[in-house]
Protein backbone atom coordinates (compact mmCIF):
# COMPACT_ATOMS: atom_id res chain seq x y z
CA UNK A 1 151.61 62.76 102.09
CA UNK A 2 152.39 66.44 102.56
CA UNK A 3 154.24 68.50 100.05
CA UNK A 4 157.00 70.55 101.60
CA UNK A 5 160.38 71.97 100.73
CA UNK A 6 163.23 73.88 102.35
CA UNK A 7 163.86 77.24 100.71
CA UNK A 8 167.25 78.84 101.42
CA UNK A 9 169.01 82.10 100.59
CA UNK A 10 172.61 83.12 101.18
CA UNK A 11 173.44 86.80 100.93
CA UNK A 12 175.92 89.36 102.21
CA UNK A 13 175.09 92.66 103.83
CA UNK A 14 177.76 95.09 105.06
CA UNK A 15 180.35 92.33 104.88
CA UNK A 16 178.32 89.91 106.97
CA UNK A 17 177.13 86.59 105.54
CA UNK A 18 173.52 85.64 106.15
CA UNK A 19 172.19 82.14 105.57
CA UNK A 20 168.44 81.98 105.90
CA UNK A 21 166.15 79.05 105.30
CA UNK A 22 162.53 78.16 105.85
CA UNK A 23 160.51 74.99 105.67
CA UNK A 24 157.57 75.68 103.38
CA UNK A 25 154.29 73.78 103.34
CA UNK A 26 153.65 73.84 99.59
CA UNK A 27 149.97 73.00 99.93
CA UNK A 28 149.43 75.99 102.20
CA UNK A 29 151.66 78.27 100.11
CA UNK A 30 149.84 77.23 96.96
CA UNK A 31 146.41 77.79 98.49
CA UNK A 32 147.27 81.15 100.04
CA UNK A 33 149.75 82.57 97.53
CA UNK A 34 149.02 80.63 94.33
CA UNK A 35 152.72 79.81 94.06
CA UNK A 36 153.83 83.46 94.18
CA UNK A 37 157.65 83.33 94.40
CA UNK A 38 157.81 86.76 96.06
CA UNK A 39 155.78 85.36 98.94
CA UNK A 40 158.57 82.82 99.54
CA UNK A 41 160.96 85.68 100.30
CA UNK A 42 158.51 86.93 102.92
CA UNK A 43 158.22 83.45 104.43
CA UNK A 44 162.00 83.10 104.62
CA UNK A 45 162.38 86.58 106.11
CA UNK A 46 159.66 86.03 108.70
CA UNK A 47 160.97 82.62 109.80
CA UNK A 48 164.41 84.18 110.27
CA UNK A 49 163.28 87.26 112.16
CA UNK A 50 163.91 89.71 109.34
CA UNK A 51 161.51 92.62 109.00
CA UNK A 52 160.43 93.48 105.47
CA UNK A 53 161.34 97.14 106.01
CA UNK A 54 165.03 96.54 106.75
CA UNK A 55 167.81 97.05 104.25
CA UNK A 56 168.86 93.42 104.66
CA UNK A 57 165.51 92.39 103.19
CA UNK A 58 166.14 94.51 100.10
CA UNK A 59 169.48 92.76 99.59
CA UNK A 60 168.04 89.32 100.32
CA UNK A 61 165.35 89.52 97.63
CA UNK A 62 167.99 90.11 94.97
CA UNK A 63 169.41 86.62 95.54
CA UNK A 64 167.96 83.41 94.08
CA UNK A 65 166.26 80.92 96.33
CA UNK A 66 167.82 77.45 96.53
CA UNK A 67 165.58 74.48 97.23
CA UNK A 68 166.28 71.23 99.04
CA UNK A 69 164.73 68.53 101.23
CA UNK A 70 161.57 68.25 99.15
CA UNK A 71 158.90 65.88 100.38
CA UNK A 72 155.87 64.41 98.71
CA UNK A 73 155.18 65.17 95.09
CA UNK A 74 157.64 68.09 95.25
CA UNK A 75 160.60 65.65 95.23
CA UNK A 76 160.09 65.07 91.52
CA UNK A 77 160.44 68.77 90.71
CA UNK A 78 163.67 69.72 92.50
CA UNK A 79 166.93 69.43 90.58
CA UNK A 80 170.28 70.92 91.60
CA UNK A 81 168.68 73.40 93.98
CA UNK A 82 166.06 74.57 91.50
CA UNK A 83 162.35 73.95 91.91
CA UNK A 84 160.08 73.78 88.86
CA UNK A 85 157.16 75.50 90.52
CA UNK A 86 154.88 75.55 87.49
CA UNK A 87 155.27 71.84 86.77
CA UNK A 88 154.82 71.00 90.46
CA UNK A 89 151.54 72.91 90.71
CA UNK A 90 150.27 71.41 87.45
CA UNK A 91 151.09 67.91 88.74
CA UNK A 92 149.51 68.71 92.10
CA UNK A 93 146.32 69.82 90.34
CA UNK A 94 146.31 66.61 88.29
CA UNK A 95 146.84 64.57 91.46
CA UNK A 96 143.93 66.35 93.17
CA UNK A 97 141.68 65.54 90.20
CA UNK A 98 142.77 61.91 90.33
CA UNK A 99 142.09 61.71 94.08
CA UNK A 100 138.62 63.18 93.52
CA UNK A 101 137.91 60.50 90.90
CA UNK A 102 139.24 57.71 93.14
CA UNK A 103 137.26 59.03 96.12
CA UNK A 104 134.07 58.74 94.10
CA UNK A 105 134.93 55.15 93.16
CA UNK A 106 135.74 54.22 96.77
CA UNK A 107 132.48 55.74 97.95
CA UNK A 108 130.41 54.04 95.27
CA UNK A 109 131.89 50.54 95.61
CA UNK A 110 133.17 50.41 99.18
CA UNK A 111 131.03 53.04 100.95
CA UNK A 112 134.22 54.84 102.05
CA UNK A 113 133.57 58.49 102.73
CA UNK A 114 137.22 59.59 102.92
CA UNK A 115 140.27 57.98 101.37
CA UNK A 116 142.38 60.09 103.75
CA UNK A 117 141.18 57.80 106.54
CA UNK A 118 142.40 54.76 104.57
CA UNK A 119 145.93 55.62 103.40
CA UNK A 120 146.79 52.08 102.29
CA UNK A 121 143.69 51.85 100.13
CA UNK A 122 144.38 55.33 98.74
CA UNK A 123 147.94 54.29 97.85
CA UNK A 124 146.71 51.05 96.22
CA UNK A 125 144.11 52.88 94.15
CA UNK A 126 146.68 55.48 93.07
CA UNK A 127 149.11 52.73 92.07
CA UNK A 128 146.41 50.97 90.07
CA UNK A 129 145.40 54.23 88.40
CA UNK A 130 148.98 55.08 87.44
CA UNK A 131 149.71 51.51 86.28
CA UNK A 132 146.79 51.80 83.91
CA UNK A 133 148.30 55.02 82.48
CA UNK A 134 151.54 53.25 81.50
């Protein structure tokens, strides 16, 4: 399941209200930007046709980003429009380590080269792993 989120900013410039939002692939953002919050402002600006060298951009980056419509693991880390980025990336790293472990087990016992090609088995193994942690 992909990790994504909608990042939104509302700001005013010269009496005009701007409402910008962008759908962000968190896996891609994390890989490319290591969770750099400033990069989110660039993503929002780009997806809304705003050049970084315009005065509107300077005003936009002074406003907080609101988060909504989280998917995947990100759902657990959004609360009242705030996104706990650090906890999300820590959990994502833990999940990746778990998947690596489960992939090795599936390969050893079932000769399955990729759990991504067997989503039901991957989900069952993850459930069993997490049940054991309780």
